[in-house]
Amino acid sequence: DFRNTERNGRRYVTAGSRGTLGTKLLYTAPIDISSAVAPHVRIEHTINFYDPQFKEKKNVKLVVAADDPSLPAEELNWITVDFEKNNPPGSDWTIYKLEFFPLPKEVLGGNVRIGWSHTSEEGSSPAWQIHNTQLRDIPELQ
């Protein structure tokens, strides 16, 4: 479902979900945050074709999970990082760089995975482009 592409010298991972219903989850390899005091995440992204009724359902989500090597990544306890209050309007290609959001306490102290969840359902298939994701330890924000 996911494929690597390159355009104008930039590399992308794309998921072609046009005409396909359901949820797709793209996620990182485990990242060690055991020594982080106050880990925060930020994304730079744009969303288009995102109808307000589906926006309320949060059909696009930034999620995090504590890694458990005994489980497939899809079965981890994924927790939504709520960026909806500063979400792009969902009706154009403007790129938004959000502020840093703290990671939930449930994922602190070990390895974490960051994921991007996209749901397409009847009547809604938003186009979500993630241009950058940053994970930083920012003790002054704790």
Protein backbone atom coordinates (compact mmCIF):
# COMPACT_ATOMS: atom_id res chain seq x y z
CA ASP A 1 0.00 0.00 0.00
CA PHE A 2 2.86 2.41 0.73
CA ARG A 3 5.41 3.29 -1.89
CA ASN A 4 8.52 5.46 -1.97
CA THR A 5 8.46 8.26 -4.52
CA GLU A 6 10.61 11.25 -5.36
CA ARG A 7 9.59 14.58 -6.85
CA ASN A 8 11.65 17.73 -7.31
CA GLY A 9 14.54 16.25 -5.35
CA ARG A 10 12.38 15.40 -2.30
CA ARG A 11 11.64 11.85 -1.21
CA TYR A 12 8.17 10.82 -0.08
CA VAL A 13 6.27 7.81 1.17
CA THR A 14 2.81 7.76 -0.35
CA ALA A 15 -0.26 5.67 0.26
CA GLY A 16 -2.68 5.37 -2.58
CA SER A 17 -6.07 5.03 -0.95
CA ARG A 18 -8.28 6.54 -3.61
CA GLY A 19 -11.31 4.28 -3.85
CA THR A 20 -10.15 2.22 -0.85
CA LEU A 21 -12.03 2.42 2.43
CA GLY A 22 -10.50 1.80 5.85
CA THR A 23 -7.60 2.94 8.00
CA LYS A 24 -3.93 2.90 7.07
CA LEU A 25 -1.15 3.33 9.60
CA LEU A 26 2.37 4.39 8.70
CA TYR A 27 4.83 4.25 11.62
CA THR A 28 8.48 4.66 12.54
CA ALA A 29 10.93 2.09 13.77
CA PRO A 30 11.34 2.13 17.59
CA ILE A 31 12.96 5.34 18.88
CA ASP A 32 14.76 5.32 22.24
CA ILE A 33 13.44 8.15 24.44
CA SER A 34 14.48 6.58 27.76
CA SER A 35 16.74 9.49 28.69
CA ALA A 36 14.32 12.22 27.56
CA VAL A 37 12.99 14.52 30.26
CA ALA A 38 10.13 16.05 28.26
CA PRO A 39 9.80 14.52 24.76
CA HIS A 40 7.65 16.54 22.35
CA VAL A 41 6.58 15.94 18.77
CA ARG A 42 5.74 18.39 15.98
CA ILE A 43 4.55 17.91 12.42
CA GLU A 44 4.62 20.08 9.34
CA HIS A 45 1.72 19.08 7.11
CA THR A 46 -1.20 19.95 4.91
CA ILE A 47 -4.66 18.42 4.57
CA ASN A 48 -7.01 18.91 1.64
CA PHE A 49 -10.46 17.54 0.78
CA TYR A 50 -11.21 17.14 4.53
CA ASP A 51 -14.97 17.58 5.03
CA PRO A 52 -15.83 19.09 8.45
CA GLN A 53 -18.07 16.18 9.47
CA PHE A 54 -15.14 13.79 9.04
CA LYS A 55 -12.75 16.23 10.70
CA GLU A 56 -14.83 15.78 13.87
CA LYS A 57 -14.17 12.03 13.64
CA LYS A 58 -10.41 12.72 13.38
CA ASN A 59 -9.90 10.69 10.22
CA VAL A 60 -6.27 11.84 10.13
CA LYS A 61 -4.30 11.40 13.36
CA LEU A 62 -0.80 11.65 14.71
CA VAL A 63 -0.42 8.70 17.08
CA VAL A 64 2.30 7.36 19.39
CA ALA A 65 2.83 4.03 21.12
CA ALA A 66 5.25 2.51 23.59
CA ASP A 67 7.07 -0.19 21.64
CA ASP A 68 6.61 -3.81 22.61
CA PRO A 69 8.91 -6.10 20.57
CA SER A 70 6.60 -9.06 21.26
CA LEU A 71 3.75 -7.43 19.31
CA PRO A 72 3.36 -6.40 15.69
CA ALA A 73 3.38 -2.60 15.48
CA GLU A 74 -0.26 -2.54 14.28
CA GLU A 75 -1.32 -4.16 17.60
CA LEU A 76 0.40 -1.65 19.90
CA ASN A 77 -1.68 0.65 22.11
CA TRP A 78 -1.70 3.70 19.81
CA ILE A 79 -2.56 6.99 21.54
CA THR A 80 -3.71 10.06 19.60
CA VAL A 81 -1.64 13.23 19.96
CA ASP A 82 -4.35 15.86 19.69
CA PHE A 83 -3.36 18.54 17.19
CA GLU A 84 -6.93 19.35 16.11
CA LYS A 85 -7.01 22.78 17.77
CA ASN A 86 -4.28 23.94 15.38
CA ASN A 87 -5.18 21.75 12.47
CA PRO A 88 -5.02 23.04 8.90
CA PRO A 89 -8.48 24.01 7.65
CA GLY A 90 -8.51 20.97 5.38
CA SER A 91 -9.51 22.78 2.23
CA ASP A 92 -6.25 23.82 0.57
CA TRP A 93 -2.59 22.91 0.13
CA THR A 94 -1.17 25.43 2.63
CA ILE A 95 1.58 23.83 4.74
CA TYR A 96 1.25 24.30 8.51
CA LYS A 97 4.07 23.85 11.02
CA LEU A 98 2.45 23.08 14.36
CA GLU A 99 3.85 23.79 17.80
CA PHE A 100 5.48 20.98 19.77
CA PHE A 101 3.06 18.67 21.61
CA PRO A 102 4.14 16.62 24.65
CA LEU A 103 4.11 12.86 24.29
CA PRO A 104 1.56 11.13 26.54
CA LYS A 105 2.90 9.84 29.86
CA GLU A 106 1.92 6.29 28.88
CA VAL A 107 4.72 6.10 26.29
CA LEU A 108 7.58 7.62 28.29
CA GLY A 109 10.63 5.79 29.60
CA GLY A 110 11.61 3.44 26.80
CA ASN A 111 11.21 2.99 23.08
CA VAL A 112 8.40 4.74 21.28
CA ARG A 113 6.94 4.63 17.78
CA ILE A 114 5.36 7.59 16.02
CA GLY A 115 2.56 6.89 13.58
CA TRP A 116 0.34 8.64 11.11
CA SER A 117 -3.18 7.21 10.84
CA HIS A 118 -5.42 7.98 7.85
CA THR A 119 -9.00 6.77 7.54
CA SER A 120 -10.97 6.80 4.30
CA GLU A 121 -14.67 6.15 4.51
CA GLU A 122 -17.67 6.56 2.26
CA GLY A 123 -17.82 10.27 1.39
CA SER A 124 -14.37 11.17 2.75
CA SER A 125 -10.84 10.52 1.63
CA PRO A 126 -8.75 13.49 2.79
CA ALA A 127 -5.39 14.09 1.15
CA TRP A 128 -2.84 14.36 3.97
CA GLN A 129 0.75 15.30 3.27
CA ILE A 130 3.25 15.10 6.13
CA HIS A 131 6.25 17.19 5.16
CA ASN A 132 8.25 16.83 8.37
CA THR A 133 7.98 15.24 11.80
CA GLN A 134 10.30 16.21 14.64
CA LEU A 135 10.80 14.55 18.01
CA ARG A 136 12.67 16.66 20.58
CA ASP A 137 13.40 16.65 24.27
CA ILE A 138 12.28 20.09 25.51
CA PRO A 139 12.61 20.16 29.32
CA GLU A 140 11.59 23.83 29.54
CA LEU A 141 8.12 22.89 28.21
CA GLN A 142 7.36 20.29 30.88
